[in-house]
Every structure is written in C-alpha cells, then in structure tokens.
Amino acid sequence: MTDSHSPPAPPLDGPPSATAERSATDLTPEFRRGAPDGATHEALDFNQETTCFELRNLNLHYGREHALRDITMTIPHRRITAFIGPSGCGKSSLLRCLNRMNDLIDIARLTGDVRLDGQSIYDKSVDVPELRRRVGMVFQKPNPFPKSIYENVAYGLRIQGIRRRSVIDETVERSLRKAALWDEVKDRLKSPAVELSGGQQQRLIIARAIAIEPEVILLDEPCSALDPIATAKVEELMMELKQHYTLVIVTHNMQQAARVGDYCAFMYMGELIEYDTAETMFQRPGKQQTEDYITGRFG
C-alpha cells in the first residue's frame, strides 16, 4: 500500500523493530503473569528462528471487499504466534489463508503467496486435503461429531484408509494424552462426545487434529466460549503442543495473547500494523495504534 495510513511492510527475515520507545507505565505491567508452565520467558530473536510460513504481499478479496491488504510476514516453527485486533480486522481470514479454507468461499479471491517450509501452498500442484492434514484447524466453537469420544479421534484415520484396530487404538490414546484428556475419558471412550463439557470438547477437537499428525495447528479463538478454568487447561495444553507443533492462534483476549504468545501480530482493517515478539508488543509497542488497542483506548 502506498497511502499514508498503511504500515511499512515488515522485512521477510522477521518482524519490524520498534520505531520508537514508549512508556510502558499504562501498558500491561504483569506481562506473563499467570502464564502456564512452559510459557517462554527468555528473550526471543526472530532471526534465530526457522521459518514455518512465509507470506508475501498477500491480498484477499471477498467480492468487492478488500479483506486483507499486502500482508508480508514470516511465522516461525514451534512457537505460538497470536493474531490480535478488533472484530472484522481480518484475523480469522488470515488464519484461513494458511490452510486454504478460504477456497471454500465462492467469492474469495487471493493474490500474493503463502509458503509452507519454502513451498507455495497455492501452487496448482498442491494436494489441498493433504495440506489440511499438515495444517490442522480448531474452530472457535467445539464441533464434535455425533459419535463416541473414540470415534471422534479415530475419524481422520479411517478417512485415510487406516483399518488396523491396534494402530487406531494406539493413535487414539496417544492423541488424547497429548490433548491432556486421556485421564478424564479413558473409562468412557464409547460415550457420546457431546456429553463432554465445553472445555473437554475443545480438547477433544485438538486430539482429533493431532491424530492425523499435522505440522501446524491453527486455533481460531479456541477459548472464547470457555470458562476461566477450562481456558487455563487449554492454555496449558498449548504449552505442551508447541514442543511438537507450530501454533497460530486468533484471540480477542489480550491477557491470553500476553500469557501464551511468543510472537504477536496486531491487525486493523485488513492491514498488518505491527508484528514483533509478544514481550515487545505488550511492553514497548512501536506504533501508537498498537498501544491504543492493547490499553483499551479503542477496539
């Protein structure tokens, strides 16, 4: 973008550094306070990370609506990257670009490129179902299938043609353990998944995503419908998952972004305003607009 309201594009080797030092007295002084075990406390250096996703000049239109404008950024492996910003700013649209979920919207049109481990995911040769296996999605509202707990986790394996019961049994248990749910459901695997609490259902959906061995897990406001106790369990789970997977989350909860995020991208009206480490974003934001949003002056 060339108008005066557009932020400069961040360099491809990392997020932009802060353009000005700002007082943190009215920002979030308790950065990382209440963070689950495993949250990153050491200083991060984007240039030391390995790149998972690379977005270049990404634009997305829904018909005449310009939903995303010239998004250029990189997302590192095995970190949690949080997208924040007010409703309608493009966070979820950007998330869906990472596994081509926007392909399912007839009026969606995309230009630019998204690369996963150096390969364009929008190349005509890409096997989209395989891409979505590699890049799993967990939606805002838990959506268990009207099946048993066991069959919810086994579903993706059966779709892939896996029939051997011992393999399915092992994968279901391993996935439920990784989702910190096994101890709560191991004695009722044949029970309907809809009988689980909301927080348990969300962890079940994560187990279902894990079962097909993804590389990336996308989470679109995964805790928005959960109570504080269930939210804490999901955040603890995120800390476990990032040891093995790249996580990208959308959240409206600034405290959650500060607690679990390693990197943070602030979006507004389809533009990437600022992208940096969560520590910098919440304590030394480089843009006044970012500071205003984080401190609740707008949004």
Protein backbone atom coordinates (compact mmCIF):
# COMPACT_ATOMS: atom_id res chain seq x y z
CA MET A 1 0.00 0.00 0.00
CA THR A 2 1.18 3.50 -0.74
CA ASP A 3 -1.25 5.72 1.20
CA SER A 4 -0.19 7.44 4.39
CA HIS A 5 -2.26 5.16 6.61
CA SER A 6 -0.56 1.95 5.54
CA PRO A 7 2.19 0.46 7.72
CA PRO A 8 5.52 -0.34 6.12
CA ALA A 9 5.82 -3.98 5.09
CA PRO A 10 7.86 -5.97 7.62
CA PRO A 11 11.09 -7.49 6.32
CA LEU A 12 10.89 -11.13 5.30
CA ASP A 13 13.54 -12.17 7.79
CA GLY A 14 11.49 -11.06 10.79
CA PRO A 15 9.09 -8.55 12.30
CA PRO A 16 9.81 -4.83 12.24
CA SER A 17 11.70 -3.47 15.18
CA ALA A 18 10.01 -0.85 17.31
CA THR A 19 10.21 2.57 15.69
CA ALA A 20 10.07 4.46 18.98
CA GLU A 21 10.48 3.74 22.66
CA ARG A 22 7.23 4.20 24.55
CA SER A 23 6.49 4.35 28.25
CA ALA A 24 5.08 1.06 29.48
CA THR A 25 3.52 2.58 32.58
CA ASP A 26 -0.01 2.32 31.21
CA LEU A 27 0.50 -0.93 29.29
CA THR A 28 0.32 -4.46 30.66
CA PRO A 29 2.74 -4.42 33.62
CA GLU A 30 2.00 -8.02 34.52
CA PHE A 31 3.33 -9.39 31.23
CA ARG A 32 3.39 -13.20 31.55
CA ARG A 33 1.78 -13.01 34.99
CA GLY A 34 -0.41 -16.08 35.34
CA ALA A 35 1.18 -17.70 32.32
CA PRO A 36 1.04 -21.50 32.26
CA ASP A 37 4.14 -23.59 32.84
CA GLY A 38 6.18 -23.72 29.66
CA ALA A 39 5.50 -20.15 28.56
CA THR A 40 8.55 -18.52 27.00
CA HIS A 41 10.27 -16.11 29.37
CA GLU A 42 13.62 -15.71 27.66
CA ALA A 43 14.18 -13.00 25.07
CA LEU A 44 13.35 -14.13 21.54
CA ASP A 45 15.28 -13.27 18.41
CA PHE A 46 13.31 -13.70 15.22
CA ASN A 47 16.49 -14.02 13.19
CA GLN A 48 17.40 -17.15 15.16
CA GLU A 49 14.12 -18.89 14.32
CA THR A 50 13.42 -21.31 11.49
CA THR A 51 10.60 -20.26 9.20
CA CYS A 52 7.38 -22.24 9.01
CA PHE A 53 5.17 -19.91 6.95
CA GLU A 54 6.25 -17.08 4.72
CA LEU A 55 3.58 -14.69 3.45
CA ARG A 56 4.40 -12.36 0.57
CA ASN A 57 2.17 -9.45 -0.46
CA LEU A 58 -0.95 -11.39 0.43
CA ASN A 59 -4.24 -9.80 -0.58
CA LEU A 60 -7.68 -11.31 -0.10
CA HIS A 61 -10.95 -10.09 -1.54
CA TYR A 62 -14.48 -11.26 -0.76
CA GLY A 63 -16.21 -9.95 -3.82
CA ARG A 64 -15.62 -6.19 -3.69
CA GLU A 65 -14.47 -6.23 -0.07
CA HIS A 66 -10.70 -5.98 0.32
CA ALA A 67 -10.32 -8.14 3.44
CA LEU A 68 -6.51 -8.44 3.64
CA ARG A 69 -4.08 -5.86 2.29
CA ASP A 70 -0.49 -6.62 1.33
CA ILE A 71 0.32 -8.92 4.25
CA THR A 72 4.02 -9.79 4.36
CA MET A 73 5.33 -11.71 7.36
CA THR A 74 7.03 -14.90 8.46
CA ILE A 75 5.79 -17.30 11.14
CA PRO A 76 8.40 -19.41 12.97
CA HIS A 77 8.40 -23.12 13.69
CA ARG A 78 7.32 -24.45 17.09
CA ARG A 79 6.29 -21.14 18.51
CA ILE A 80 2.89 -19.65 19.30
CA THR A 81 2.03 -16.72 17.07
CA ALA A 82 -1.04 -14.76 18.15
CA PHE A 83 -3.16 -12.61 15.83
CA ILE A 84 -4.89 -9.78 17.72
CA GLY A 85 -7.09 -6.90 16.67
CA PRO A 86 -10.72 -5.74 16.79
CA SER A 87 -13.58 -7.71 15.27
CA GLY A 88 -13.62 -7.63 11.49
CA CYS A 89 -9.95 -6.69 11.13
CA GLY A 90 -9.04 -9.82 9.13
CA LYS A 91 -7.52 -12.09 11.80
CA SER A 92 -9.63 -15.15 11.01
CA SER A 93 -9.42 -14.53 7.27
CA LEU A 94 -5.63 -14.51 7.55
CA LEU A 95 -5.69 -17.69 9.61
CA ARG A 96 -7.81 -19.44 6.99
CA CYS A 97 -5.34 -18.47 4.28
CA LEU A 98 -2.76 -20.72 5.95
CA ASN A 99 -4.61 -23.92 5.04
CA ARG A 100 -6.71 -22.65 2.13
CA MET A 101 -10.01 -22.74 3.97
CA ASN A 102 -10.97 -19.61 2.04
CA ASP A 103 -11.07 -21.81 -1.07
CA LEU A 104 -14.47 -22.93 0.21
CA ILE A 105 -15.87 -19.38 -0.18
CA ASP A 106 -17.00 -18.81 -3.77
CA ILE A 107 -16.42 -15.05 -3.77
CA ALA A 108 -12.95 -15.25 -2.21
CA ARG A 109 -10.04 -14.19 -4.43
CA LEU A 110 -6.42 -14.24 -3.31
CA THR A 111 -3.25 -12.75 -4.72
CA GLY A 112 0.30 -12.95 -3.41
CA ASP A 113 1.69 -16.13 -1.93
CA VAL A 114 1.88 -18.26 1.19
CA ARG A 115 4.79 -20.67 1.54
CA LEU A 116 4.97 -23.56 3.98
CA ASP A 117 8.52 -24.80 4.51
CA GLY A 118 9.51 -22.94 1.35
CA GLN A 119 6.80 -24.40 -0.90
CA SER A 120 3.84 -22.38 -2.17
CA ILE A 121 0.58 -23.78 -0.80
CA TYR A 122 -1.34 -22.07 -3.62
CA ASP A 123 0.52 -23.83 -6.42
CA LYS A 124 -1.82 -25.75 -8.72
CA SER A 125 0.04 -28.96 -7.96
CA VAL A 126 -0.75 -28.81 -4.22
CA ASP A 127 -2.93 -31.59 -2.82
CA VAL A 128 -5.31 -29.47 -0.72
CA PRO A 129 -6.62 -32.31 1.51
CA GLU A 130 -3.02 -33.24 2.28
CA LEU A 131 -2.26 -29.58 3.05
CA ARG A 132 -5.16 -29.50 5.51
CA ARG A 133 -3.83 -32.64 7.14
CA ARG A 134 -0.47 -30.93 7.61
CA VAL A 135 -2.13 -27.72 8.80
CA GLY A 136 -4.97 -28.63 11.15
CA MET A 137 -7.74 -26.27 12.23
CA VAL A 138 -9.52 -25.87 15.56
CA PHE A 139 -12.53 -23.58 15.39
CA GLN A 140 -13.99 -21.15 17.91
CA LYS A 141 -16.91 -23.39 18.86
CA PRO A 142 -16.16 -27.05 19.61
CA ASN A 143 -17.69 -29.17 16.86
CA PRO A 144 -17.55 -32.83 17.92
CA PHE A 145 -19.12 -35.29 15.52
CA PRO A 146 -22.27 -37.08 16.72
CA LYS A 147 -20.14 -40.10 17.52
CA SER A 148 -18.34 -41.56 20.50
CA ILE A 149 -15.27 -39.96 22.01
CA TYR A 150 -13.18 -42.75 20.48
CA GLU A 151 -14.68 -42.40 17.00
CA ASN A 152 -14.20 -38.63 17.01
CA VAL A 153 -10.45 -39.09 17.35
CA ALA A 154 -10.35 -42.10 15.02
CA TYR A 155 -12.33 -40.36 12.28
CA GLY A 156 -9.41 -38.86 10.40
CA LEU A 157 -7.52 -42.15 10.48
CA ARG A 158 -10.46 -44.01 8.98
CA ILE A 159 -10.77 -41.37 6.25
CA GLN A 160 -7.11 -42.03 5.42
CA GLY A 161 -7.92 -45.70 5.00
CA ILE A 162 -6.35 -46.95 8.23
CA ARG A 163 -8.26 -50.03 9.39
CA ARG A 164 -5.92 -51.85 11.72
CA ARG A 165 -7.51 -51.68 15.16
CA SER A 166 -4.25 -51.77 17.09
CA VAL A 167 -2.95 -48.75 15.15
CA ILE A 168 -6.17 -46.84 15.71
CA ASP A 169 -6.26 -47.73 19.41
CA GLU A 170 -2.68 -46.59 19.89
CA THR A 171 -3.24 -43.34 17.99
CA VAL A 172 -6.45 -42.51 19.86
CA GLU A 173 -4.76 -42.97 23.21
CA ARG A 174 -1.64 -41.05 22.19
CA SER A 175 -3.71 -38.16 20.80
CA LEU A 176 -5.92 -37.95 23.88
CA ARG A 177 -2.84 -37.97 26.09
CA LYS A 178 -1.26 -35.16 24.06
CA ALA A 179 -4.51 -33.25 24.40
CA ALA A 180 -4.41 -33.75 28.20
CA LEU A 181 -7.76 -35.54 28.06
CA TRP A 182 -6.94 -39.24 28.39
CA ASP A 183 -7.20 -39.48 32.17
CA GLU A 184 -10.62 -37.83 32.08
CA VAL A 185 -12.18 -40.04 29.38
CA LYS A 186 -10.27 -43.34 29.29
CA ASP A 187 -13.11 -45.17 31.04
CA ARG A 188 -15.85 -43.85 28.77
CA LEU A 189 -14.43 -43.83 25.27
CA LYS A 190 -17.69 -45.25 23.90
CA SER A 191 -19.75 -42.41 25.39
CA PRO A 192 -21.10 -39.69 23.05
CA ALA A 193 -18.64 -36.83 22.64
CA VAL A 194 -21.45 -34.31 23.06
CA GLU A 195 -21.73 -35.34 26.73
CA LEU A 196 -18.33 -33.78 27.44
CA SER A 197 -18.06 -30.30 28.91
CA GLY A 198 -17.22 -27.40 26.61
CA GLY A 199 -13.58 -27.38 27.66
CA GLN A 200 -13.31 -31.15 27.23
CA GLN A 201 -14.92 -30.92 23.81
CA GLN A 202 -12.36 -28.32 22.74
CA ARG A 203 -9.51 -30.56 23.86
CA LEU A 204 -11.18 -33.47 22.05
CA ILE A 205 -11.17 -31.45 18.83
CA ILE A 206 -7.49 -30.77 19.36
CA ALA A 207 -6.93 -34.50 19.88
CA ARG A 208 -8.79 -35.15 16.64
CA ALA A 209 -6.47 -32.72 14.84
CA ILE A 210 -3.36 -34.27 16.41
CA ALA A 211 -4.38 -37.81 15.42
CA ILE A 212 -3.61 -37.22 11.74
CA GLU A 213 -0.10 -35.98 12.58
CA PRO A 214 -0.17 -32.33 11.48
CA GLU A 215 2.80 -29.99 11.47
CA VAL A 216 0.79 -26.88 12.31
CA ILE A 217 -2.32 -26.29 14.41
CA LEU A 218 -4.44 -23.22 13.72
CA LEU A 219 -6.73 -22.15 16.57
CA ASP A 220 -9.48 -19.61 15.89
CA GLU A 221 -10.45 -18.13 19.27
CA PRO A 222 -10.28 -21.56 20.93
CA CYS A 223 -11.20 -20.28 24.40
CA SER A 224 -13.84 -17.65 23.64
CA ALA A 225 -16.71 -19.91 24.76
CA LEU A 226 -14.89 -21.41 27.76
CA ASP A 227 -14.87 -20.52 31.45
CA PRO A 228 -11.60 -19.46 33.13
CA ILE A 229 -10.79 -22.96 34.41
CA ALA A 230 -11.30 -24.58 31.00
CA THR A 231 -9.35 -21.72 29.39
CA ALA A 232 -6.42 -22.36 31.72
CA LYS A 233 -6.40 -26.04 30.75
CA VAL A 234 -6.37 -25.21 27.04
CA GLU A 235 -3.55 -22.70 27.57
CA GLU A 236 -1.56 -25.33 29.48
CA LEU A 237 -2.18 -27.68 26.57
CA MET A 238 -0.81 -25.07 24.15
CA MET A 239 2.45 -25.07 26.07
CA GLU A 240 2.72 -28.83 25.62
CA LEU A 241 1.75 -28.73 21.96
CA LYS A 242 4.29 -26.11 20.96
CA GLN A 243 7.06 -28.56 21.83
CA HIS A 244 5.96 -30.55 18.79
CA TYR A 245 3.85 -28.27 16.58
CA THR A 246 3.69 -24.73 15.27
CA LEU A 247 0.65 -22.95 16.72
CA VAL A 248 -1.09 -19.92 15.27
CA ILE A 249 -3.99 -18.53 17.27
CA VAL A 250 -6.59 -15.81 16.87
CA THR A 251 -7.67 -14.24 20.15
CA HIS A 252 -9.57 -11.19 21.37
CA ASN A 253 -8.20 -11.78 24.85
CA MET A 254 -5.19 -9.52 25.35
CA GLN A 255 -4.22 -11.30 28.57
CA GLN A 256 -4.26 -14.62 26.76
CA ALA A 257 -2.06 -13.29 23.97
CA ALA A 258 0.38 -11.99 26.61
CA ARG A 259 0.33 -15.24 28.59
CA VAL A 260 0.90 -17.71 25.75
CA GLY A 261 2.12 -15.80 22.70
CA ASP A 262 5.73 -15.91 21.61
CA TYR A 263 5.10 -13.55 18.70
CA CYS A 264 2.15 -11.25 18.18
CA ALA A 265 0.63 -9.62 15.10
CA PHE A 266 -1.72 -6.67 15.51
CA MET A 267 -4.15 -6.19 12.64
CA TYR A 268 -6.55 -3.40 11.82
CA MET A 269 -8.92 -3.09 8.86
CA GLY A 270 -7.16 -5.83 6.93
CA GLU A 271 -3.66 -4.44 7.44
CA LEU A 272 -0.77 -5.75 9.49
CA ILE A 273 0.00 -2.79 11.73
CA GLU A 274 2.74 -4.27 13.88
CA TYR A 275 4.38 -7.69 14.29
CA ASP A 276 7.01 -8.47 16.90
CA THR A 277 7.73 -10.56 19.97
CA ALA A 278 4.85 -10.60 22.44
CA GLU A 279 7.12 -9.01 25.03
CA THR A 280 7.83 -6.05 22.77
CA MET A 281 4.22 -5.72 21.66
CA PHE A 282 2.88 -5.61 25.20
CA GLN A 283 5.63 -3.59 26.84
CA ARG A 284 7.30 -1.50 24.14
CA PRO A 285 4.97 -1.31 21.13
CA GLY A 286 6.43 0.57 18.21
CA LYS A 287 3.14 2.00 16.98
CA GLN A 288 0.79 4.33 18.82
CA GLN A 289 -2.13 2.47 17.24
CA THR A 290 -0.91 -0.81 18.79
CA GLU A 291 -0.56 0.81 22.20
CA ASP A 292 -4.04 2.31 21.96
CA TYR A 293 -5.54 -1.08 21.18
CA ILE A 294 -3.66 -3.02 23.84
CA THR A 295 -4.53 -0.48 26.53
CA GLY A 296 -8.22 -0.47 25.56
CA ARG A 297 -8.41 3.02 24.11
CA PHE A 298 -10.17 1.58 21.07
CA GLY A 299 -11.31 -1.79 19.80
